[in-house]
Protein backbone atom coordinates (compact mmCIF):
# COMPACT_ATOMS: atom_id res chain seq x y z
CA MET A 1 3.80 29.78 53.92
CA ILE A 2 5.48 26.94 56.11
CA SER A 3 8.60 25.25 55.31
CA GLU A 4 8.48 21.05 54.26
CA PRO A 5 10.51 20.36 57.40
CA LEU A 6 7.26 22.00 59.65
CA ALA A 7 5.24 20.21 57.80
CA SER A 8 6.74 16.57 58.22
CA GLU A 9 6.95 17.21 61.78
CA VAL A 10 3.14 18.17 62.33
CA PHE A 11 2.99 15.01 60.06
CA ALA A 12 4.69 12.98 62.57
CA LYS A 13 2.93 13.79 65.29
CA ALA A 14 -0.28 13.49 63.79
CA ARG A 15 0.95 9.35 62.96
CA ALA A 16 2.36 9.67 66.87
CA GLY A 17 -1.15 10.12 67.73
CA GLY A 18 -2.55 7.64 65.92
CA ALA A 19 -3.74 9.67 63.25
CA ASP A 20 -4.51 7.71 59.80
CA PHE A 21 -3.56 10.86 57.82
CA ALA A 22 -3.08 14.22 57.89
CA GLU A 23 -3.07 17.02 55.83
CA LEU A 24 -2.55 20.52 56.29
CA TYR A 25 -4.17 23.58 53.80
CA VAL A 26 -2.61 26.77 53.65
CA GLU A 27 -3.24 30.40 52.45
CA ARG A 28 -2.70 33.80 52.11
CA ASN A 29 -5.45 35.61 50.23
CA LYS A 30 -4.56 39.52 49.22
CA THR A 31 -7.96 41.48 48.24
CA ARG A 32 -9.59 44.49 46.96
CA MET A 33 -12.95 46.54 46.13
CA MET A 34 -13.37 49.89 44.87
CA ARG A 35 -17.86 50.85 44.93
CA LEU A 36 -18.94 53.29 43.03
CA LEU A 37 -22.79 54.87 43.60
CA SER A 38 -23.67 57.65 40.89
CA GLY A 39 -20.40 58.39 40.03
CA GLU A 40 -19.63 59.19 43.88
CA LEU A 41 -16.43 56.45 45.39
CA LYS A 42 -18.71 54.67 48.14
CA GLU A 43 -16.38 52.13 48.75
CA ALA A 44 -11.93 51.39 48.37
CA THR A 45 -10.86 48.66 50.76
CA SER A 46 -8.31 46.20 50.33
CA GLY A 47 -6.85 43.35 52.20
CA ILE A 48 -4.38 40.02 53.43
CA ARG A 49 -5.86 37.56 55.00
CA TYR A 50 -4.09 34.09 55.76
CA GLY A 51 -4.26 30.81 57.68
CA ALA A 52 -3.81 27.55 58.00
CA GLY A 53 -6.40 24.51 58.18
CA LEU A 54 -5.18 20.73 59.68
CA ARG A 55 -7.73 17.90 59.71
CA LEU A 56 -6.63 14.40 60.65
CA PHE A 57 -8.23 11.19 59.79
CA TYR A 58 -9.16 8.66 62.06
CA GLY A 59 -10.87 6.05 59.70
CA VAL A 60 -13.50 7.59 57.94
CA ASP A 61 -13.98 9.79 61.34
CA ILE A 62 -12.21 13.92 61.05
CA VAL A 63 -11.19 16.47 63.43
CA TYR A 64 -9.87 19.69 62.22
CA ALA A 65 -8.56 23.08 63.65
CA TYR A 66 -7.33 26.38 61.98
CA THR A 67 -4.81 28.87 62.77
CA ASN A 68 -3.87 32.16 61.70
CA ASP A 69 -0.59 31.48 63.45
CA LEU A 70 1.43 29.65 61.04
CA THR A 71 4.69 29.50 63.88
CA ALA A 72 6.03 26.04 64.40
CA GLU A 73 4.81 26.51 68.27
CA SER A 74 0.88 27.20 66.67
CA LEU A 75 0.22 24.45 64.15
CA LEU A 76 1.99 22.13 66.46
CA GLU A 77 -0.32 23.25 69.14
CA ILE A 78 -3.60 22.58 66.79
CA CYS A 79 -2.23 19.35 66.15
CA ASP A 80 -2.11 18.84 69.97
CA THR A 81 -5.59 19.37 70.17
CA LEU A 82 -6.48 17.59 67.87
CA LEU A 83 -4.60 14.46 69.23
CA LYS A 84 -6.55 14.99 72.31
CA LEU A 85 -10.13 14.98 71.00
CA LYS A 86 -8.76 11.07 70.10
CA GLY A 87 -6.72 9.99 72.46
CA GLN A 88 -3.13 8.87 71.75
CA GLY A 89 -2.15 6.02 69.48
CA SER A 90 0.93 3.90 68.90
CA VAL A 91 3.93 6.33 68.01
CA ASP A 92 5.11 5.40 64.64
CA GLU A 93 8.48 6.94 64.14
CA GLN A 94 8.42 6.98 60.24
CA GLY A 95 8.96 10.41 59.29
CA ARG A 96 10.22 11.96 63.11
CA ILE A 97 12.73 14.57 62.62
CA ASP A 98 15.77 14.96 63.92
CA ASP A 99 17.05 18.04 66.06
CA LYS A 100 19.17 18.58 62.34
CA GLY A 101 16.27 18.75 60.40
CA ARG A 102 16.71 14.75 58.60
CA GLY A 103 14.52 12.36 58.32
CA GLY A 104 11.20 14.36 57.01
CA LEU A 105 8.83 13.44 54.17
CA ASP A 106 10.11 13.56 50.62
CA PHE A 107 7.47 15.47 49.70
CA ARG A 108 6.21 14.99 45.88
CA LYS A 109 6.39 19.09 44.85
CA ALA A 110 4.14 20.50 42.37
CA VAL A 111 3.88 24.03 41.30
CA ALA A 112 1.35 25.73 39.63
CA LYS A 113 2.82 26.36 35.74
CA GLY A 114 0.83 29.50 35.47
CA LEU A 115 -2.01 28.31 33.66
CA HIS A 116 -4.17 31.54 34.89
CA ALA A 117 -1.49 33.86 35.24
CA PRO A 118 -2.40 37.51 34.50
CA LYS A 119 -1.23 39.50 31.76
CA ILE A 120 -1.52 42.46 33.89
CA ALA A 121 -0.92 41.85 37.69
CA LEU A 122 -2.93 42.98 40.41
CA ASP A 123 -0.82 45.76 41.73
CA ALA A 124 0.34 46.95 37.77
CA LYS A 125 -1.94 49.77 38.11
CA ASP A 126 -2.49 51.97 40.32
CA LYS A 127 -6.16 53.08 42.27
CA ARG A 128 -6.74 56.03 39.83
CA TYR A 129 -6.86 53.91 36.76
CA ARG A 130 -9.33 51.70 38.19
CA LEU A 131 -11.17 54.44 39.31
CA GLU A 132 -11.50 55.65 35.53
CA ARG A 133 -12.31 52.03 34.51
CA LEU A 134 -15.50 52.11 36.32
CA LEU A 135 -16.88 56.17 35.84
CA GLU A 136 -16.37 54.46 32.02
CA ALA A 137 -18.52 51.79 33.25
CA GLU A 138 -20.98 54.10 34.55
CA ALA A 139 -20.99 56.59 31.33
CA GLY A 140 -21.66 53.62 28.98
CA ALA A 141 -24.64 52.76 31.59
CA LYS A 142 -26.54 55.88 30.72
CA VAL A 143 -28.16 54.50 27.51
CA ALA A 144 -31.37 57.06 27.97
CA GLY A 145 -33.27 59.47 30.36
CA GLU A 146 -34.66 57.33 31.95
CA ILE A 147 -31.41 55.45 33.86
CA LYS A 148 -31.72 57.19 37.15
CA GLN A 149 -29.08 55.30 39.20
CA VAL A 150 -25.80 53.28 38.35
CA GLU A 151 -23.56 51.11 40.60
CA THR A 152 -20.20 49.71 39.64
CA PHE A 153 -17.86 47.85 41.18
CA LEU A 154 -14.43 45.94 40.73
CA SER A 155 -13.32 43.07 43.43
CA GLU A 156 -9.78 41.55 43.01
CA GLY A 157 -8.64 38.44 44.41
CA GLU A 158 -5.13 36.89 45.06
CA LYS A 159 -4.73 34.16 46.73
CA ASP A 160 -1.80 31.50 47.53
CA VAL A 161 -2.38 27.96 48.30
CA LEU A 162 -0.30 25.40 49.98
CA VAL A 163 -1.63 21.63 50.13
CA ALA A 164 0.66 18.85 51.91
CA ASN A 165 -0.45 16.22 53.21
CA SER A 166 1.65 12.89 55.03
CA GLU A 167 1.38 10.76 51.85
CA GLY A 168 4.09 13.20 50.25
CA VAL A 169 1.67 15.45 48.59
CA TRP A 170 3.12 19.17 48.25
CA ALA A 171 1.06 21.34 46.04
CA GLU A 172 1.34 25.31 45.59
CA ASP A 173 -1.11 27.16 43.43
CA LYS A 174 -1.91 30.69 42.42
CA ARG A 175 -5.25 31.80 41.97
CA ILE A 176 -6.16 34.92 40.45
CA ARG A 177 -10.14 36.61 40.17
CA THR A 178 -11.12 40.03 38.84
CA ARG A 179 -15.23 40.58 38.75
CA MET A 180 -16.32 44.04 37.32
CA GLY A 181 -19.89 45.00 38.05
CA VAL A 182 -22.21 47.21 36.74
CA THR A 183 -26.25 47.98 37.74
CA ALA A 184 -28.44 50.13 36.30
CA ILE A 185 -31.68 51.24 37.64
CA ALA A 186 -34.27 52.65 35.28
CA GLN A 187 -36.81 54.53 36.32
CA SER A 188 -40.93 56.03 34.75
CA ASP A 189 -43.37 57.46 36.65
CA ASN A 190 -45.07 54.34 37.63
CA ASP A 191 -42.08 51.71 37.00
CA MET A 192 -38.74 50.97 37.99
CA GLN A 193 -36.92 47.82 36.40
CA THR A 194 -32.51 47.48 37.29
CA GLY A 195 -30.23 45.89 34.30
CA LYS A 196 -26.98 44.18 35.99
CA ASP A 197 -23.98 42.91 33.91
CA PHE A 198 -20.85 41.04 35.88
CA PRO A 199 -18.36 39.35 34.03
CA GLY A 200 -15.37 38.09 35.77
CA LEU A 201 -12.42 35.44 34.97
CA SER A 202 -9.24 34.12 36.67
CA CYS A 203 -7.34 36.90 34.99
CA GLY A 204 -5.17 40.27 35.96
CA LEU A 205 -6.58 43.50 35.07
CA GLU A 206 -6.77 42.41 31.53
CA LEU A 207 -10.33 41.76 32.19
CA PHE A 208 -10.80 45.42 30.92
CA ASP A 209 -9.60 44.22 27.21
CA ASN A 210 -12.06 41.26 27.21
CA PHE A 211 -14.46 43.28 28.65
CA PRO A 212 -14.34 47.00 27.85
CA PRO A 213 -16.28 48.49 30.87
CA ARG A 214 -17.97 51.32 28.61
CA GLU A 215 -19.86 47.85 26.79
CA VAL A 216 -20.41 46.66 29.92
CA GLY A 217 -22.51 49.30 31.77
CA ARG A 218 -24.17 49.69 27.90
CA LYS A 219 -25.25 46.26 28.59
CA ALA A 220 -26.63 47.11 31.71
CA GLY A 221 -28.66 49.86 30.85
CA GLU A 222 -29.94 48.56 27.93
CA GLN A 223 -31.18 45.34 29.97
CA ALA A 224 -32.52 47.99 32.25
CA MET A 225 -34.52 49.75 29.80
CA THR A 226 -35.40 46.62 28.02
CA ASN A 227 -37.59 45.77 31.25
CA LEU A 228 -38.95 49.39 31.83
CA ARG A 229 -40.73 48.88 28.60
CA ALA A 230 -41.26 45.53 28.43
CA ARG A 231 -45.45 44.04 28.31
CA LEU A 232 -46.37 41.84 30.98
CA ALA A 233 -45.73 38.35 30.01
CA PRO A 234 -48.65 36.24 28.74
CA ALA A 235 -49.76 33.00 31.24
CA GLY A 236 -49.69 29.53 30.17
CA THR A 237 -47.89 27.15 28.87
CA MET A 238 -44.08 28.11 27.47
CA PRO A 239 -41.08 26.62 26.59
CA VAL A 240 -38.17 27.08 28.80
CA VAL A 241 -34.86 28.00 27.14
CA VAL A 242 -31.53 28.06 29.61
CA GLY A 243 -28.61 30.81 28.82
CA ASN A 244 -25.09 28.91 28.73
CA ALA A 245 -24.19 31.00 31.47
CA PHE A 246 -25.88 31.35 34.66
CA GLY A 247 -27.61 28.53 33.15
CA GLY A 248 -24.38 26.18 34.64
CA VAL A 249 -25.06 27.18 37.86
CA LEU A 250 -28.82 26.25 37.79
CA PHE A 251 -27.79 22.77 36.68
CA HIS A 252 -25.57 22.32 39.39
CA GLU A 253 -27.66 23.49 42.09
CA ALA A 254 -29.98 21.05 40.65
CA LEU A 255 -27.73 17.78 39.97
CA GLY A 256 -24.57 18.97 40.53
CA HIS A 257 -24.91 18.33 44.37
CA LEU A 258 -26.40 15.15 43.91
CA LEU A 259 -23.39 13.98 42.13
CA GLU A 260 -20.95 14.75 45.21
CA THR A 261 -20.26 11.90 46.79
CA THR A 262 -21.05 13.60 49.77
CA SER A 263 -24.08 13.40 49.00
CA VAL A 264 -23.87 9.20 47.91
CA ALA A 265 -22.06 8.08 50.61
CA LYS A 266 -25.21 8.75 52.78
CA ARG A 267 -27.75 7.33 50.23
CA THR A 268 -29.66 10.92 50.02
CA SER A 269 -29.03 10.91 46.52
CA VAL A 270 -31.40 9.68 44.21
CA LEU A 271 -28.61 9.00 42.06
CA THR A 272 -27.13 6.77 44.41
CA ASP A 273 -26.10 3.42 42.62
CA LYS A 274 -26.98 5.10 39.21
CA LEU A 275 -23.33 4.60 37.61
CA GLY A 276 -23.82 3.46 34.01
CA GLU A 277 -27.43 4.11 34.00
CA LYS A 278 -29.51 6.69 31.85
CA ILE A 279 -30.52 9.26 34.19
CA ALA A 280 -31.20 12.26 31.41
CA SER A 281 -32.15 12.60 28.15
CA ASP A 282 -29.99 12.13 25.59
CA CYS A 283 -29.27 16.09 24.94
CA VAL A 284 -27.98 16.23 28.32
CA THR A 285 -23.65 15.80 29.15
CA PHE A 286 -22.38 17.31 32.01
CA ILE A 287 -18.70 17.76 32.66
CA ASP A 288 -16.47 19.07 35.75
CA GLU A 289 -13.86 21.39 34.21
CA GLY A 290 -11.61 23.01 35.76
CA THR A 291 -8.60 23.59 33.08
CA THR A 292 -10.15 26.18 31.18
CA PRO A 293 -7.56 28.95 30.67
CA HIS A 294 -8.58 32.27 32.96
CA GLY A 295 -12.27 30.67 33.84
CA TRP A 296 -13.82 31.70 36.82
CA GLY A 297 -13.56 28.56 38.41
CA SER A 298 -10.34 27.44 37.01
CA GLN A 299 -7.44 26.12 39.26
CA GLU A 300 -4.39 24.18 38.50
CA PHE A 301 -4.71 22.12 41.63
CA ASP A 302 -7.82 21.71 43.65
CA ASP A 303 -8.22 22.05 48.02
CA GLU A 304 -6.96 18.47 48.54
CA GLY A 305 -3.50 18.84 46.03
CA MET A 306 -5.23 17.07 42.98
CA LYS A 307 -4.67 18.36 39.45
CA SER A 308 -7.77 19.95 37.89
CA GLU A 309 -9.29 17.88 35.09
CA HIS A 310 -12.01 17.68 32.53
CA THR A 311 -13.99 15.26 34.01
CA THR A 312 -17.42 13.58 32.15
CA LEU A 313 -20.06 13.19 34.71
CA ILE A 314 -22.97 12.25 32.59
CA GLU A 315 -22.36 11.45 28.76
CA LYS A 316 -25.54 11.27 26.42
CA GLY A 317 -27.31 11.04 29.55
CA VAL A 318 -25.75 8.50 30.71
CA LEU A 319 -24.12 8.68 34.31
CA LYS A 320 -20.59 8.01 33.95
CA ARG A 321 -18.91 9.38 37.43
CA TYR A 322 -19.29 10.85 40.56
CA MET A 323 -17.11 13.44 42.08
CA VAL A 324 -15.39 12.33 45.04
CA ASP A 325 -13.29 13.53 47.39
CA LYS A 326 -10.35 11.78 49.27
CA LEU A 327 -13.02 10.81 52.11
CA GLY A 328 -15.75 10.13 49.66
CA GLU A 329 -13.66 7.22 48.36
CA MET A 330 -12.57 6.31 51.79
CA LYS A 331 -16.62 5.83 52.15
CA THR A 332 -17.97 4.74 48.83
CA GLY A 333 -15.19 2.81 47.05
CA TYR A 334 -15.35 4.79 44.01
CA PRO A 335 -12.32 6.29 43.00
CA ALA A 336 -11.23 9.59 42.54
CA ARG A 337 -10.43 11.11 39.46
CA THR A 338 -6.56 10.74 39.47
CA LYS A 339 -3.91 9.57 41.61
CA ARG A 340 -3.19 12.71 44.09
CA THR A 341 0.00 14.69 43.04
């Protein structure tokens, strides 16, 4: 990653160039993917991606650059590039680094406490172990002779994140994501249907304990067979039942984006200026939840270094909060959920 003196030097240069606020986001992401088709290994890949992004604020105007070279020379160079876009401002001596490395920012360091730490690390098992689990999932999917093809995969990610800014924030997080998937294809003389199950958590390979591969495969196979044998749905007006899993994604796309200050600030959201008003049925409560242990979307800090929270946005149909980032806070005046770490 990067050192505190280097971050201080970048921020000092940004302030000297007239920026009001500077932020570094640094990421190292290790990924693995294994995929089988009808028992044949089609993909077994791994990789490491890393880099840093630098944002400079001039009021509510933002310039941004990124690099995968994390040396001091590279980070200072992209800072210079951004400063040239806005021109030079008055020099601010606060936070300048002397030749002995003194005089930098006094960062308020916050390191993830391991709320989502894996019980079984991704490096604890070899490729054969993963292959055997996927073969188990395939065997579980073959619930009937009509299952003609099964595809399975295992996707793993281990991401180290650092967020630092010119206000003294220094937040370090480790984000683990593991997902297994099974797609079963059932075929009869005149029809073909699929069934799928893709469980995933912010955890390590203990995912297999929470979702036994054979059971995941069986669920996909039975879904394919249900679809193959199903009668045509009747036409007409019907009640709609939204599941509590993927239904959350539908709700987010339909309503969640309207609660972001990205759209509220532009007044393109129908929920602009609706705080405290009844906007939905009493049965609707909408929560921005980032603290569920091992939840797929949970993490200890967000990408601006703010500690994740349980935030009620809509309560019994009444709009309580918007989703606010730093820029949205500046543009709208609505406070972010907490002070930055």
